[in-house]
Amino acid sequence: MSFSLRGKHAVVTGATGAIGFRIAAAFAERGSVVTLLSRSAPDARLSLEHQLTPYQPDPERKNMGDEFPEKHRFMRLDATKSTMFKGLFGSTVGPVDVLVNCAGVSQTSFIKRTSDEDIRNILDTNLQSAILASKYAKMNAHGCIINVSSLMANKNGAGASVYAASKAGLVDLKPDIQQQYLKDCPSRRVGQPDEVADAAIFLATNRFANNCVLNLDGGLSAV
């Protein structure tokens, strides 16, 4: 693979949920040090930490003096509390190579039966948390932001209108963030064959991937 995750700092929100933790564990398996953020992260540490591949510090990264963590961390972040993001990302999390916005809650009621409080909770957790994390994260050069959306973003379902709107917002958030990082892209170089090969391997080995369109353009489509 052309992109090594060894020595990278991955930050995952919603990291104690089923999908979020599996993402965190996958980064750990590939050599990253992971910061797991969620409302229950400190309490979940005892039951989850042993499932993470221990981080082996990268000597080169260790000498950079950039507040780089030396072990996996479990930190509390209530995705509905906007005031927590600035302080956490500004002074505690440190520089980020990969940010995965995976905090999310579902909806199982028609909008007429969904309380105002539940609507606010869905929007804050699914959409606002990704906006704030992307805003305050100290992204390293060539960093990566991944927003975990849903099929519902483009294909609504009964009893999921607010959820679908929040996930559609995540999809629409991406182009705007790309525009704001234009100084770092396009990559100003021709793509390499092994980078295309990486994508082919992903599509061939991920059994749930279907009807995918991957833009392998170094950021050109963001211009």
C-alpha atoms as a PDB file:
ATOM      1  CA  MET A   1       0.000   0.000   0.000  1.00  0.00           C
ATOM      2  CA  SER A   2       1.340   3.445  -0.862  1.00  0.00           C
ATOM      3  CA  PHE A   3      -0.104   5.195   2.182  1.00  0.00           C
ATOM      4  CA  SER A   4       1.270   3.855   5.443  1.00  0.00           C
ATOM      5  CA  LEU A   5      -0.698   4.438   8.634  1.00  0.00           C
ATOM      6  CA  ARG A   6       2.260   3.649  10.858  1.00  0.00           C
ATOM      7  CA  GLY A   7       2.957   6.545  13.180  1.00  0.00           C
ATOM      8  CA  LYS A   8      -0.208   8.410  12.186  1.00  0.00           C
ATOM      9  CA  HIS A   9      -2.524   9.956  14.767  1.00  0.00           C
ATOM     10  CA  ALA A  10      -6.136   8.997  14.087  1.00  0.00           C
ATOM     11  CA  VAL A  11      -8.986  10.630  15.995  1.00  0.00           C
ATOM     12  CA  VAL A  12     -12.401   8.963  15.933  1.00  0.00           C
ATOM     13  CA  THR A  13     -15.600  10.502  17.289  1.00  0.00           C
ATOM     14  CA  GLY A  14     -18.389   8.150  18.306  1.00  0.00           C
ATOM     15  CA  ALA A  15     -15.538   5.741  18.921  1.00  0.00           C
ATOM     16  CA  THR A  16     -17.261   3.437  21.403  1.00  0.00           C
ATOM     17  CA  GLY A  17     -20.120   2.588  19.050  1.00  0.00           C
ATOM     18  CA  ALA A  18     -19.971  -0.571  16.943  1.00  0.00           C
ATOM     19  CA  ILE A  19     -18.769   1.128  13.747  1.00  0.00           C
ATOM     20  CA  GLY A  20     -16.660   3.784  15.448  1.00  0.00           C
ATOM     21  CA  PHE A  21     -14.728   1.286  17.533  1.00  0.00           C
ATOM     22  CA  ARG A  22     -14.137  -1.023  14.593  1.00  0.00           C
ATOM     23  CA  ILE A  23     -12.696   1.941  12.676  1.00  0.00           C
ATOM     24  CA  ALA A  24     -10.478   2.849  15.632  1.00  0.00           C
ATOM     25  CA  ALA A  25      -9.315  -0.762  15.958  1.00  0.00           C
ATOM     26  CA  ALA A  26      -8.541  -0.962  12.238  1.00  0.00           C
ATOM     27  CA  PHE A  27      -6.299   2.106  12.442  1.00  0.00           C
ATOM     28  CA  ALA A  28      -4.566   0.641  15.497  1.00  0.00           C
ATOM     29  CA  GLU A  29      -3.997  -2.639  13.639  1.00  0.00           C
ATOM     30  CA  ARG A  30      -2.237  -0.699  10.907  1.00  0.00           C
ATOM     31  CA  GLY A  31       0.165   1.080  13.225  1.00  0.00           C
ATOM     32  CA  SER A  32      -1.667   4.283  14.118  1.00  0.00           C
ATOM     33  CA  VAL A  33      -2.036   5.743  17.571  1.00  0.00           C
ATOM     34  CA  VAL A  34      -5.727   6.405  18.142  1.00  0.00           C
ATOM     35  CA  THR A  35      -7.647   8.918  20.223  1.00  0.00           C
ATOM     36  CA  LEU A  36     -11.133   7.563  20.867  1.00  0.00           C
ATOM     37  CA  LEU A  37     -13.746  10.219  21.606  1.00  0.00           C
ATOM     38  CA  SER A  38     -17.266   9.605  22.867  1.00  0.00           C
ATOM     39  CA  ARG A  39     -19.552  10.387  25.744  1.00  0.00           C
ATOM     40  CA  SER A  40     -18.767   7.029  27.355  1.00  0.00           C
ATOM     41  CA  ALA A  41     -15.117   6.668  26.302  1.00  0.00           C
ATOM     42  CA  PRO A  42     -13.520   6.818  29.790  1.00  0.00           C
ATOM     43  CA  ASP A  43     -15.992   4.257  31.159  1.00  0.00           C
ATOM     44  CA  ALA A  44     -15.580   1.985  28.136  1.00  0.00           C
ATOM     45  CA  ARG A  45     -11.806   1.951  28.348  1.00  0.00           C
ATOM     46  CA  LEU A  46     -11.564  -1.129  30.577  1.00  0.00           C
ATOM     47  CA  SER A  47     -13.668  -3.239  28.247  1.00  0.00           C
ATOM     48  CA  LEU A  48     -12.275  -1.953  24.945  1.00  0.00           C
ATOM     49  CA  GLU A  49      -8.616  -1.034  25.370  1.00  0.00           C
ATOM     50  CA  HIS A  50      -7.368  -4.632  25.343  1.00  0.00           C
ATOM     51  CA  GLN A  51      -9.002  -5.074  21.928  1.00  0.00           C
ATOM     52  CA  LEU A  52      -6.731  -2.442  20.376  1.00  0.00           C
ATOM     53  CA  THR A  53      -3.368  -3.398  18.920  1.00  0.00           C
ATOM     54  CA  PRO A  54      -0.811  -1.676  21.195  1.00  0.00           C
ATOM     55  CA  TYR A  55       0.860   1.320  19.602  1.00  0.00           C
ATOM     56  CA  GLN A  56       4.564   1.057  18.872  1.00  0.00           C
ATOM     57  CA  PRO A  57       5.936   4.637  18.944  1.00  0.00           C
ATOM     58  CA  ASP A  58       7.538   5.822  15.735  1.00  0.00           C
ATOM     59  CA  PRO A  59      11.023   7.191  16.606  1.00  0.00           C
ATOM     60  CA  GLU A  60      10.840   9.793  13.841  1.00  0.00           C
ATOM     61  CA  ARG A  61       7.459  11.054  15.005  1.00  0.00           C
ATOM     62  CA  LYS A  62       8.488  11.036  18.635  1.00  0.00           C
ATOM     63  CA  ASN A  63      11.282  13.505  17.951  1.00  0.00           C
ATOM     64  CA  MET A  64       9.032  16.003  16.213  1.00  0.00           C
ATOM     65  CA  GLY A  65       7.958  17.621  19.479  1.00  0.00           C
ATOM     66  CA  ASP A  66       4.394  18.100  18.235  1.00  0.00           C
ATOM     67  CA  GLU A  67       2.350  16.935  21.235  1.00  0.00           C
ATOM     68  CA  PHE A  68       2.110  13.534  19.607  1.00  0.00           C
ATOM     69  CA  PRO A  69       0.494  10.879  21.854  1.00  0.00           C
ATOM     70  CA  GLU A  70       2.528   7.808  22.713  1.00  0.00           C
ATOM     71  CA  LYS A  71      -0.425   5.506  23.416  1.00  0.00           C
ATOM     72  CA  HIS A  72      -4.089   5.074  22.576  1.00  0.00           C
ATOM     73  CA  ARG A  73      -6.337   7.435  24.509  1.00  0.00           C
ATOM     74  CA  PHE A  74      -9.988   7.367  25.562  1.00  0.00           C
ATOM     75  CA  MET A  75     -11.425  10.865  26.046  1.00  0.00           C
ATOM     76  CA  ARG A  76     -14.908  12.064  26.870  1.00  0.00           C
ATOM     77  CA  LEU A  77     -16.686  14.103  24.214  1.00  0.00           C
ATOM     78  CA  ASP A  78     -20.417  14.713  24.346  1.00  0.00           C
ATOM     79  CA  ALA A  79     -21.240  15.320  20.695  1.00  0.00           C
ATOM     80  CA  THR A  80     -24.237  17.457  21.668  1.00  0.00           C
ATOM     81  CA  LYS A  81     -22.139  19.869  23.755  1.00  0.00           C
ATOM     82  CA  SER A  82     -20.662  22.377  21.316  1.00  0.00           C
ATOM     83  CA  THR A  83     -18.565  24.036  24.023  1.00  0.00           C
ATOM     84  CA  MET A  84     -16.463  20.885  24.493  1.00  0.00           C
ATOM     85  CA  PHE A  85     -14.962  20.831  21.001  1.00  0.00           C
ATOM     86  CA  LYS A  86     -12.776  23.935  21.080  1.00  0.00           C
ATOM     87  CA  GLY A  87     -11.110  23.088  24.371  1.00  0.00           C
ATOM     88  CA  LEU A  88     -10.648  19.399  23.608  1.00  0.00           C
ATOM     89  CA  PHE A  89      -9.232  19.791  20.115  1.00  0.00           C
ATOM     90  CA  GLY A  90      -7.436  23.017  20.901  1.00  0.00           C
ATOM     91  CA  SER A  91      -5.390  21.880  23.871  1.00  0.00           C
ATOM     92  CA  THR A  92      -5.795  18.160  24.545  1.00  0.00           C
ATOM     93  CA  VAL A  93      -6.130  16.083  21.377  1.00  0.00           C
ATOM     94  CA  GLY A  94      -3.058  17.507  19.637  1.00  0.00           C
ATOM     95  CA  PRO A  95      -2.177  17.462  15.915  1.00  0.00           C
ATOM     96  CA  VAL A  96      -4.315  15.107  13.820  1.00  0.00           C
ATOM     97  CA  ASP A  97      -3.433  13.078  10.728  1.00  0.00           C
ATOM     98  CA  VAL A  98      -6.822  11.418  10.267  1.00  0.00           C
ATOM     99  CA  LEU A  99     -10.125  12.668  11.676  1.00  0.00           C
ATOM    100  CA  VAL A 100     -13.066  10.270  11.453  1.00  0.00           C
ATOM    101  CA  ASN A 101     -16.416  11.861  12.249  1.00  0.00           C
ATOM    102  CA  CYS A 102     -18.489   8.848  13.265  1.00  0.00           C
ATOM    103  CA  ALA A 103     -20.680  10.156  16.085  1.00  0.00           C
ATOM    104  CA  GLY A 104     -24.285   9.351  15.278  1.00  0.00           C
ATOM    105  CA  VAL A 105     -27.739   8.517  16.557  1.00  0.00           C
ATOM    106  CA  SER A 106     -30.652   7.070  14.610  1.00  0.00           C
ATOM    107  CA  GLN A 107     -34.331   7.937  14.319  1.00  0.00           C
ATOM    108  CA  THR A 108     -37.272   5.546  14.300  1.00  0.00           C
ATOM    109  CA  SER A 109     -40.293   7.834  14.434  1.00  0.00           C
ATOM    110  CA  PHE A 110     -42.261   9.957  11.999  1.00  0.00           C
ATOM    111  CA  ILE A 111     -41.441  13.641  12.255  1.00  0.00           C
ATOM    112  CA  LYS A 112     -44.829  14.516  13.764  1.00  0.00           C
ATOM    113  CA  ARG A 113     -44.037  12.151  16.619  1.00  0.00           C
ATOM    114  CA  THR A 114     -40.423  13.237  17.031  1.00  0.00           C
ATOM    115  CA  SER A 115     -39.938  15.661  19.901  1.00  0.00           C
ATOM    116  CA  ASP A 116     -38.091  18.938  19.442  1.00  0.00           C
ATOM    117  CA  GLU A 117     -35.472  17.633  21.861  1.00  0.00           C
ATOM    118  CA  ASP A 118     -34.906  14.500  19.776  1.00  0.00           C
ATOM    119  CA  ILE A 119     -34.634  16.560  16.584  1.00  0.00           C
ATOM    120  CA  ARG A 120     -31.995  18.765  18.180  1.00  0.00           C
ATOM    121  CA  ASN A 121     -30.127  15.724  19.503  1.00  0.00           C
ATOM    122  CA  ILE A 122     -30.026  14.067  16.076  1.00  0.00           C
ATOM    123  CA  LEU A 123     -28.810  17.205  14.306  1.00  0.00           C
ATOM    124  CA  ASP A 124     -26.246  18.051  16.980  1.00  0.00           C
ATOM    125  CA  THR A 125     -24.841  14.527  17.149  1.00  0.00           C
ATOM    126  CA  ASN A 126     -24.840  13.609  13.472  1.00  0.00           C
ATOM    127  CA  LEU A 127     -24.073  16.926  11.792  1.00  0.00           C
ATOM    128  CA  GLN A 128     -22.962  19.679  14.144  1.00  0.00           C
ATOM    129  CA  SER A 129     -20.377  17.448  15.822  1.00  0.00           C
ATOM    130  CA  ALA A 130     -18.677  16.803  12.466  1.00  0.00           C
ATOM    131  CA  ILE A 131     -18.689  20.506  11.645  1.00  0.00           C
ATOM    132  CA  LEU A 132     -17.142  21.446  14.984  1.00  0.00           C
ATOM    133  CA  ALA A 133     -14.568  18.650  14.976  1.00  0.00           C
ATOM    134  CA  SER A 134     -13.502  19.637  11.459  1.00  0.00           C
ATOM    135  CA  LYS A 135     -13.346  23.277  12.523  1.00  0.00           C
ATOM    136  CA  TYR A 136     -11.208  22.847  15.624  1.00  0.00           C
ATOM    137  CA  ALA A 137      -9.023  19.843  14.747  1.00  0.00           C
ATOM    138  CA  LYS A 138      -5.367  20.760  14.215  1.00  0.00           C
ATOM    139  CA  MET A 139      -4.930  18.893  10.952  1.00  0.00           C
ATOM    140  CA  ASN A 140      -1.391  18.060   9.878  1.00  0.00           C
ATOM    141  CA  ALA A 141      -0.250  18.629   6.314  1.00  0.00           C
ATOM    142  CA  HIS A 142      -1.760  16.009   4.002  1.00  0.00           C
ATOM    143  CA  GLY A 143      -4.261  15.143   6.740  1.00  0.00           C
ATOM    144  CA  CYS A 144      -7.524  13.376   6.016  1.00  0.00           C
ATOM    145  CA  ILE A 145     -11.077  14.040   7.231  1.00  0.00           C
ATOM    146  CA  ILE A 146     -13.567  11.182   6.881  1.00  0.00           C
ATOM    147  CA  ASN A 147     -17.272  11.789   7.467  1.00  0.00           C
ATOM    148  CA  VAL A 148     -19.328   8.639   8.044  1.00  0.00           C
ATOM    149  CA  SER A 149     -22.646   9.312   6.347  1.00  0.00           C
ATOM    150  CA  SER A 150     -25.433   6.921   5.354  1.00  0.00           C
ATOM    151  CA  LEU A 151     -27.390   5.592   2.408  1.00  0.00           C
ATOM    152  CA  MET A 152     -30.238   7.631   3.879  1.00  0.00           C
ATOM    153  CA  ALA A 153     -28.451  10.791   2.761  1.00  0.00           C
ATOM    154  CA  ASN A 154     -29.631  10.060  -0.788  1.00  0.00           C
ATOM    155  CA  LYS A 155     -32.385   7.505  -0.230  1.00  0.00           C
ATOM    156  CA  ASN A 156     -34.825   8.543   2.467  1.00  0.00           C
ATOM    157  CA  GLY A 157     -36.894   6.087   4.465  1.00  0.00           C
ATOM    158  CA  ALA A 158     -40.083   6.264   6.488  1.00  0.00           C
ATOM    159  CA  GLY A 159     -39.524   7.489  10.018  1.00  0.00           C
ATOM    160  CA  ALA A 160     -36.024   8.785   9.349  1.00  0.00           C
ATOM    161  CA  SER A 161     -36.483  12.262   7.887  1.00  0.00           C
ATOM    162  CA  VAL A 162     -34.374  14.158  10.435  1.00  0.00           C
ATOM    163  CA  TYR A 163     -31.697  11.456  10.422  1.00  0.00           C
ATOM    164  CA  ALA A 164     -31.608  11.543   6.612  1.00  0.00           C
ATOM    165  CA  ALA A 165     -31.309  15.337   6.613  1.00  0.00           C
ATOM    166  CA  SER A 166     -28.404  15.202   9.054  1.00  0.00           C
ATOM    167  CA  LYS A 167     -26.555  12.624   6.959  1.00  0.00           C
ATOM    168  CA  ALA A 168     -27.214  14.572   3.748  1.00  0.00           C
ATOM    169  CA  GLY A 169     -25.691  17.560   5.499  1.00  0.00           C
ATOM    170  CA  LEU A 170     -22.505  15.550   6.054  1.00  0.00           C
ATOM    171  CA  VAL A 171     -22.270  14.858   2.330  1.00  0.00           C
ATOM    172  CA  ASP A 172     -22.766  18.537   1.486  1.00  0.00           C
ATOM    173  CA  LEU A 173     -20.266  19.575   4.157  1.00  0.00           C
ATOM    174  CA  LYS A 174     -17.392  17.848   2.380  1.00  0.00           C
ATOM    175  CA  PRO A 175     -17.095  20.112  -0.710  1.00  0.00           C
ATOM    176  CA  ASP A 176     -17.067  23.252   1.431  1.00  0.00           C
ATOM    177  CA  ILE A 177     -14.274  21.921   3.639  1.00  0.00           C
ATOM    178  CA  GLN A 178     -12.356  20.904   0.516  1.00  0.00           C
ATOM    179  CA  GLN A 179     -12.567  24.459  -0.768  1.00  0.00           C
ATOM    180  CA  GLN A 180     -11.144  25.782   2.488  1.00  0.00           C
ATOM    181  CA  TYR A 181      -8.158  23.439   2.224  1.00  0.00           C
ATOM    182  CA  LEU A 182      -7.399  24.335  -1.385  1.00  0.00           C
ATOM    183  CA  LYS A 183      -3.974  25.648  -0.413  1.00  0.00           C
ATOM    184  CA  ASP A 184      -3.057  22.021   0.252  1.00  0.00           C
ATOM    185  CA  CYS A 185      -4.576  20.648  -2.949  1.00  0.00           C
ATOM    186  CA  PRO A 186      -4.710  19.716  -5.747  1.00  0.00           C
ATOM    187  CA  SER A 187      -1.610  17.679  -5.131  1.00  0.00           C
ATOM    188  CA  ARG A 188       0.109  19.284  -8.134  1.00  0.00           C
ATOM    189  CA  ARG A 189       1.433  15.993  -9.403  1.00  0.00           C
ATOM    190  CA  VAL A 190       0.360  13.046 -11.504  1.00  0.00           C
ATOM    191  CA  GLY A 191      -1.240  10.141  -9.673  1.00  0.00           C
ATOM    192  CA  GLN A 192       0.933   7.063  -9.222  1.00  0.00           C
ATOM    193  CA  PRO A 193      -0.087   3.592 -10.414  1.00  0.00           C
ATOM    194  CA  ASP A 194       0.167   2.130  -6.913  1.00  0.00           C
ATOM    195  CA  GLU A 195      -2.316   4.742  -5.649  1.00  0.00           C
ATOM    196  CA  VAL A 196      -4.851   3.526  -8.185  1.00  0.00           C
ATOM    197  CA  ALA A 197      -3.973  -0.038  -7.245  1.00  0.00           C
ATOM    198  CA  ASP A 198      -4.735   0.735  -3.597  1.00  0.00           C
ATOM    199  CA  ALA A 199      -8.261   1.753  -4.575  1.00  0.00           C
ATOM    200  CA  ALA A 200      -8.692  -1.377  -6.669  1.00  0.00           C
ATOM    201  CA  ILE A 201      -7.644  -3.560  -3.741  1.00  0.00           C
ATOM    202  CA  PHE A 202     -10.126  -1.773  -1.477  1.00  0.00           C
ATOM    203  CA  LEU A 203     -12.999  -2.288  -3.919  1.00  0.00           C
ATOM    204  CA  ALA A 204     -12.074  -5.933  -4.435  1.00  0.00           C
ATOM    205  CA  THR A 205     -11.690  -6.818  -0.766  1.00  0.00           C
ATOM    206  CA  ASN A 206     -14.505  -4.829   0.850  1.00  0.00           C
ATOM    207  CA  ARG A 207     -17.481  -7.151   0.482  1.00  0.00           C
ATOM    208  CA  PHE A 208     -20.018  -4.435   1.311  1.00  0.00           C
ATOM    209  CA  ALA A 209     -18.758  -1.860  -1.197  1.00  0.00           C
ATOM    210  CA  ASN A 210     -21.085  -1.568  -4.184  1.00  0.00           C
ATOM    211  CA  ASN A 211     -21.921   1.088  -6.790  1.00  0.00           C
ATOM    212  CA  CYS A 212     -18.923   3.164  -5.638  1.00  0.00           C
ATOM    213  CA  VAL A 213     -17.407   6.185  -7.340  1.00  0.00           C
ATOM    214  CA  LEU A 214     -13.946   7.073  -6.017  1.00  0.00           C
ATOM    215  CA  ASN A 215     -12.355  10.347  -7.104  1.00  0.00           C
ATOM    216  CA  LEU A 216      -8.649   9.592  -7.423  1.00  0.00           C
ATOM    217  CA  ASP A 217      -7.666  13.053  -8.595  1.00  0.00           C
ATOM    218  CA  GLY A 218      -5.416  14.550  -5.933  1.00  0.00           C
ATOM    219  CA  GLY A 219      -8.113  17.038  -5.005  1.00  0.00           C
ATOM    220  CA  LEU A 220      -8.733  18.365  -8.531  1.00  0.00           C
ATOM    221  CA  SER A 221     -12.491  17.805  -8.243  1.00  0.00           C
ATOM    222  CA  ALA A 222     -12.562  20.226  -5.296  1.00  0.00           C
ATOM    223  CA  VAL A 223     -11.432  23.131  -7.475  1.00  0.00           C
END
